[in-house]
Amino acid sequence: MQTQNPFLDEFSKLTNAALGLAQAAGEEAKTAFRAQTDKLAAELDLVRRDEFDALKAELQALREEVDSLKAKKAPRAKA
């Protein structure tokens, strides 16, 4: 936006530059924080949520399979 006042033009440019710099610094801090938390999770032998959910679903399927096999075996044991 152009105005008649060069001071306001310069102030606007500086403000936009400062906001861009602040946003870039925020993204850099976010990236660094994520890297540190990933490192900590690896050191503590923690798992990510998606890995946990995948194993939980696999475990549930195995439990259902075991229950199914037990149900098939039960009538034979009575005979």
N, C-alpha and C. Protein backbone atom coordinates (compact mmCIF):
# COMPACT_ATOMS: atom_id res chain seq x y z
N MET A 1 0.84 -1.17 0.00
CA MET A 1 0.00 0.00 0.00
C MET A 1 0.89 1.24 0.00
N GLN A 2 0.73 2.10 -0.95
CA GLN A 2 1.50 3.33 -1.04
C GLN A 2 0.76 4.47 -0.37
N THR A 3 1.51 5.26 0.37
CA THR A 3 0.93 6.44 0.99
C THR A 3 1.74 7.64 0.55
N GLN A 4 1.29 8.80 0.92
CA GLN A 4 2.01 10.03 0.58
C GLN A 4 3.18 10.28 1.53
N ASN A 5 3.20 9.61 2.64
CA ASN A 5 4.21 9.84 3.66
C ASN A 5 5.32 8.79 3.56
N PRO A 6 6.55 9.19 3.22
CA PRO A 6 7.64 8.21 3.10
C PRO A 6 7.98 7.54 4.43
N PHE A 7 7.77 8.24 5.53
CA PHE A 7 8.01 7.64 6.84
C PHE A 7 7.10 6.43 7.05
N LEU A 8 5.82 6.58 6.72
CA LEU A 8 4.88 5.49 6.87
C LEU A 8 5.20 4.34 5.92
N ASP A 9 5.66 4.67 4.72
CA ASP A 9 6.07 3.63 3.77
C ASP A 9 7.22 2.81 4.33
N GLU A 10 8.23 3.48 4.84
CA GLU A 10 9.39 2.79 5.41
C GLU A 10 8.99 1.99 6.65
N PHE A 11 8.14 2.58 7.48
CA PHE A 11 7.68 1.88 8.67
C PHE A 11 6.92 0.61 8.29
N SER A 12 6.10 0.70 7.25
CA SER A 12 5.35 -0.45 6.78
C SER A 12 6.29 -1.54 6.27
N LYS A 13 7.30 -1.15 5.52
CA LYS A 13 8.27 -2.12 5.00
C LYS A 13 9.03 -2.80 6.14
N LEU A 14 9.45 -2.02 7.12
CA LEU A 14 10.18 -2.58 8.25
C LEU A 14 9.29 -3.51 9.06
N THR A 15 8.04 -3.13 9.24
CA THR A 15 7.11 -3.97 9.99
C THR A 15 6.90 -5.30 9.28
N ASN A 16 6.71 -5.25 7.96
CA ASN A 16 6.54 -6.49 7.19
C ASN A 16 7.79 -7.36 7.25
N ALA A 17 8.95 -6.75 7.18
CA ALA A 17 10.19 -7.51 7.27
C ALA A 17 10.34 -8.14 8.65
N ALA A 18 9.99 -7.39 9.68
CA ALA A 18 10.10 -7.92 11.05
C ALA A 18 9.13 -9.08 11.25
N LEU A 19 7.94 -8.97 10.72
CA LEU A 19 6.97 -10.06 10.84
C LEU A 19 7.47 -11.30 10.11
N GLY A 20 8.04 -11.12 8.94
CA GLY A 20 8.59 -12.25 8.20
C GLY A 20 9.73 -12.91 8.95
N LEU A 21 10.58 -12.09 9.55
CA LEU A 21 11.70 -12.62 10.33
C LEU A 21 11.19 -13.36 11.56
N ALA A 22 10.20 -12.81 12.23
CA ALA A 22 9.63 -13.45 13.42
C ALA A 22 8.99 -14.79 13.05
N GLN A 23 8.30 -14.82 11.92
CA GLN A 23 7.67 -16.07 11.48
C GLN A 23 8.73 -17.12 11.16
N ALA A 24 9.80 -16.72 10.50
CA ALA A 24 10.88 -17.65 10.18
C ALA A 24 11.54 -18.16 11.45
N ALA A 25 11.74 -17.28 12.42
CA ALA A 25 12.34 -17.69 13.69
C ALA A 25 11.43 -18.66 14.43
N GLY A 26 10.14 -18.41 14.35
CA GLY A 26 9.17 -19.31 14.98
C GLY A 26 9.21 -20.70 14.36
N GLU A 27 9.29 -20.76 13.05
CA GLU A 27 9.37 -22.04 12.36
C GLU A 27 10.67 -22.76 12.72
N GLU A 28 11.76 -22.01 12.81
CA GLU A 28 13.05 -22.61 13.18
C GLU A 28 12.99 -23.16 14.60
N ALA A 29 12.38 -22.42 15.51
CA ALA A 29 12.25 -22.89 16.89
C ALA A 29 11.37 -24.13 16.95
N LYS A 30 10.32 -24.15 16.17
CA LYS A 30 9.43 -25.31 16.13
C LYS A 30 10.17 -26.55 15.63
N THR A 31 10.97 -26.37 14.59
CA THR A 31 11.75 -27.47 14.04
C THR A 31 12.78 -27.98 15.05
N ALA A 32 13.45 -27.07 15.73
CA ALA A 32 14.44 -27.46 16.73
C ALA A 32 13.78 -28.19 17.90
N PHE A 33 12.64 -27.70 18.33
CA PHE A 33 11.92 -28.35 19.44
C PHE A 33 11.48 -29.75 19.04
N ARG A 34 10.98 -29.90 17.82
CA ARG A 34 10.55 -31.21 17.35
C ARG A 34 11.74 -32.17 17.29
N ALA A 35 12.88 -31.69 16.84
CA ALA A 35 14.07 -32.54 16.77
C ALA A 35 14.50 -32.98 18.16
N GLN A 36 14.44 -32.07 19.11
CA GLN A 36 14.82 -32.42 20.49
C GLN A 36 13.85 -33.42 21.09
N THR A 37 12.55 -33.25 20.85
CA THR A 37 11.58 -34.19 21.41
C THR A 37 11.71 -35.56 20.75
N ASP A 38 12.00 -35.59 19.45
CA ASP A 38 12.22 -36.87 18.78
C ASP A 38 13.45 -37.58 19.36
N LYS A 39 14.50 -36.80 19.63
CA LYS A 39 15.72 -37.37 20.21
C LYS A 39 15.42 -37.91 21.61
N LEU A 40 14.67 -37.16 22.40
CA LEU A 40 14.32 -37.60 23.74
C LEU A 40 13.46 -38.87 23.70
N ALA A 41 12.51 -38.89 22.79
CA ALA A 41 11.66 -40.08 22.65
C ALA A 41 12.48 -41.30 22.27
N ALA A 42 13.47 -41.11 21.41
CA ALA A 42 14.33 -42.23 21.01
C ALA A 42 15.18 -42.70 22.19
N GLU A 43 15.69 -41.75 22.98
CA GLU A 43 16.51 -42.12 24.13
C GLU A 43 15.70 -42.85 25.19
N LEU A 44 14.44 -42.45 25.36
CA LEU A 44 13.59 -43.07 26.37
C LEU A 44 12.88 -44.31 25.84
N ASP A 45 13.14 -44.66 24.58
CA ASP A 45 12.54 -45.81 23.94
C ASP A 45 11.02 -45.69 23.90
N LEU A 46 10.54 -44.49 23.60
CA LEU A 46 9.11 -44.25 23.45
C LEU A 46 8.70 -44.51 22.01
N VAL A 47 7.41 -44.72 21.80
CA VAL A 47 6.91 -44.94 20.45
C VAL A 47 5.99 -43.78 20.05
N ARG A 48 5.87 -43.58 18.76
CA ARG A 48 4.96 -42.56 18.25
C ARG A 48 3.53 -43.07 18.34
N ARG A 49 2.60 -42.14 18.31
CA ARG A 49 1.19 -42.49 18.44
C ARG A 49 0.74 -43.39 17.30
N ASP A 50 1.16 -43.11 16.06
CA ASP A 50 0.74 -43.93 14.93
C ASP A 50 1.28 -45.36 15.06
N GLU A 51 2.50 -45.51 15.56
CA GLU A 51 3.04 -46.85 15.77
C GLU A 51 2.26 -47.58 16.86
N PHE A 52 1.92 -46.86 17.91
CA PHE A 52 1.14 -47.46 19.00
C PHE A 52 -0.22 -47.91 18.50
N ASP A 53 -0.89 -47.06 17.73
CA ASP A 53 -2.21 -47.42 17.22
C ASP A 53 -2.14 -48.62 16.29
N ALA A 54 -1.09 -48.70 15.47
CA ALA A 54 -0.94 -49.84 14.56
C ALA A 54 -0.74 -51.13 15.35
N LEU A 55 0.10 -51.09 16.37
CA LEU A 55 0.31 -52.29 17.20
C LEU A 55 -0.93 -52.66 17.99
N LYS A 56 -1.66 -51.66 18.42
CA LYS A 56 -2.90 -51.92 19.16
C LYS A 56 -3.92 -52.64 18.26
N ALA A 57 -4.05 -52.18 17.02
CA ALA A 57 -4.96 -52.82 16.08
C ALA A 57 -4.51 -54.25 15.77
N GLU A 58 -3.21 -54.44 15.61
CA GLU A 58 -2.68 -55.78 15.33
C GLU A 58 -2.93 -56.71 16.51
N LEU A 59 -2.73 -56.21 17.71
CA LEU A 59 -2.98 -57.00 18.91
C LEU A 59 -4.45 -57.38 19.03
N GLN A 60 -5.34 -56.46 18.71
CA GLN A 60 -6.77 -56.74 18.77
C GLN A 60 -7.14 -57.83 17.76
N ALA A 61 -6.57 -57.76 16.57
CA ALA A 61 -6.83 -58.79 15.56
C ALA A 61 -6.32 -60.15 16.02
N LEU A 62 -5.15 -60.17 16.64
CA LEU A 62 -4.61 -61.44 17.15
C LEU A 62 -5.47 -62.00 18.28
N ARG A 63 -5.96 -61.13 19.16
CA ARG A 63 -6.84 -61.60 20.23
C ARG A 63 -8.12 -62.22 19.67
N GLU A 64 -8.67 -61.57 18.63
CA GLU A 64 -9.88 -62.11 18.00
C GLU A 64 -9.59 -63.46 17.36
N GLU A 65 -8.42 -63.60 16.76
CA GLU A 65 -8.04 -64.87 16.15
C GLU A 65 -7.88 -65.96 17.20
N VAL A 66 -7.26 -65.62 18.32
CA VAL A 66 -7.09 -66.58 19.41
C VAL A 66 -8.45 -67.00 19.96
N ASP A 67 -9.33 -66.04 20.17
CA ASP A 67 -10.69 -66.35 20.65
C ASP A 67 -11.42 -67.26 19.67
N SER A 68 -11.24 -66.99 18.38
CA SER A 68 -11.88 -67.81 17.35
C SER A 68 -11.33 -69.24 17.39
N LEU A 69 -10.03 -69.37 17.54
CA LEU A 69 -9.43 -70.70 17.60
C LEU A 69 -9.85 -71.44 18.87
N LYS A 70 -9.96 -70.72 19.98
CA LYS A 70 -10.43 -71.34 21.22
C LYS A 70 -11.87 -71.82 21.07
N ALA A 71 -12.70 -71.04 20.40
CA ALA A 71 -14.09 -71.42 20.19
C ALA A 71 -14.20 -72.66 19.32
N LYS A 72 -13.32 -72.78 18.33
CA LYS A 72 -13.33 -73.97 17.47
C LYS A 72 -12.83 -75.20 18.22
N LYS A 73 -11.88 -75.00 19.12
CA LYS A 73 -11.27 -76.10 19.85
C LYS A 73 -12.20 -76.61 20.97
N ALA A 74 -12.97 -75.73 21.56
CA ALA A 74 -13.81 -76.08 22.71
C ALA A 74 -14.77 -77.22 22.42
N PRO A 75 -15.51 -77.25 21.31
CA PRO A 75 -16.41 -78.39 21.06
C PRO A 75 -15.67 -79.72 20.92
N ARG A 76 -14.48 -79.71 20.37
CA ARG A 76 -13.69 -80.93 20.22
C ARG A 76 -13.28 -81.47 21.57
N ALA A 77 -12.94 -80.58 22.50
CA ALA A 77 -12.50 -81.01 23.81
C ALA A 77 -13.62 -81.70 24.56
N LYS A 78 -14.87 -81.30 24.35
CA LYS A 78 -16.01 -81.89 25.03
C LYS A 78 -16.35 -83.26 24.48
N ALA A 79 -16.02 -83.51 23.23
CA ALA A 79 -16.38 -84.76 22.56
C ALA A 79 -15.55 -85.92 22.96
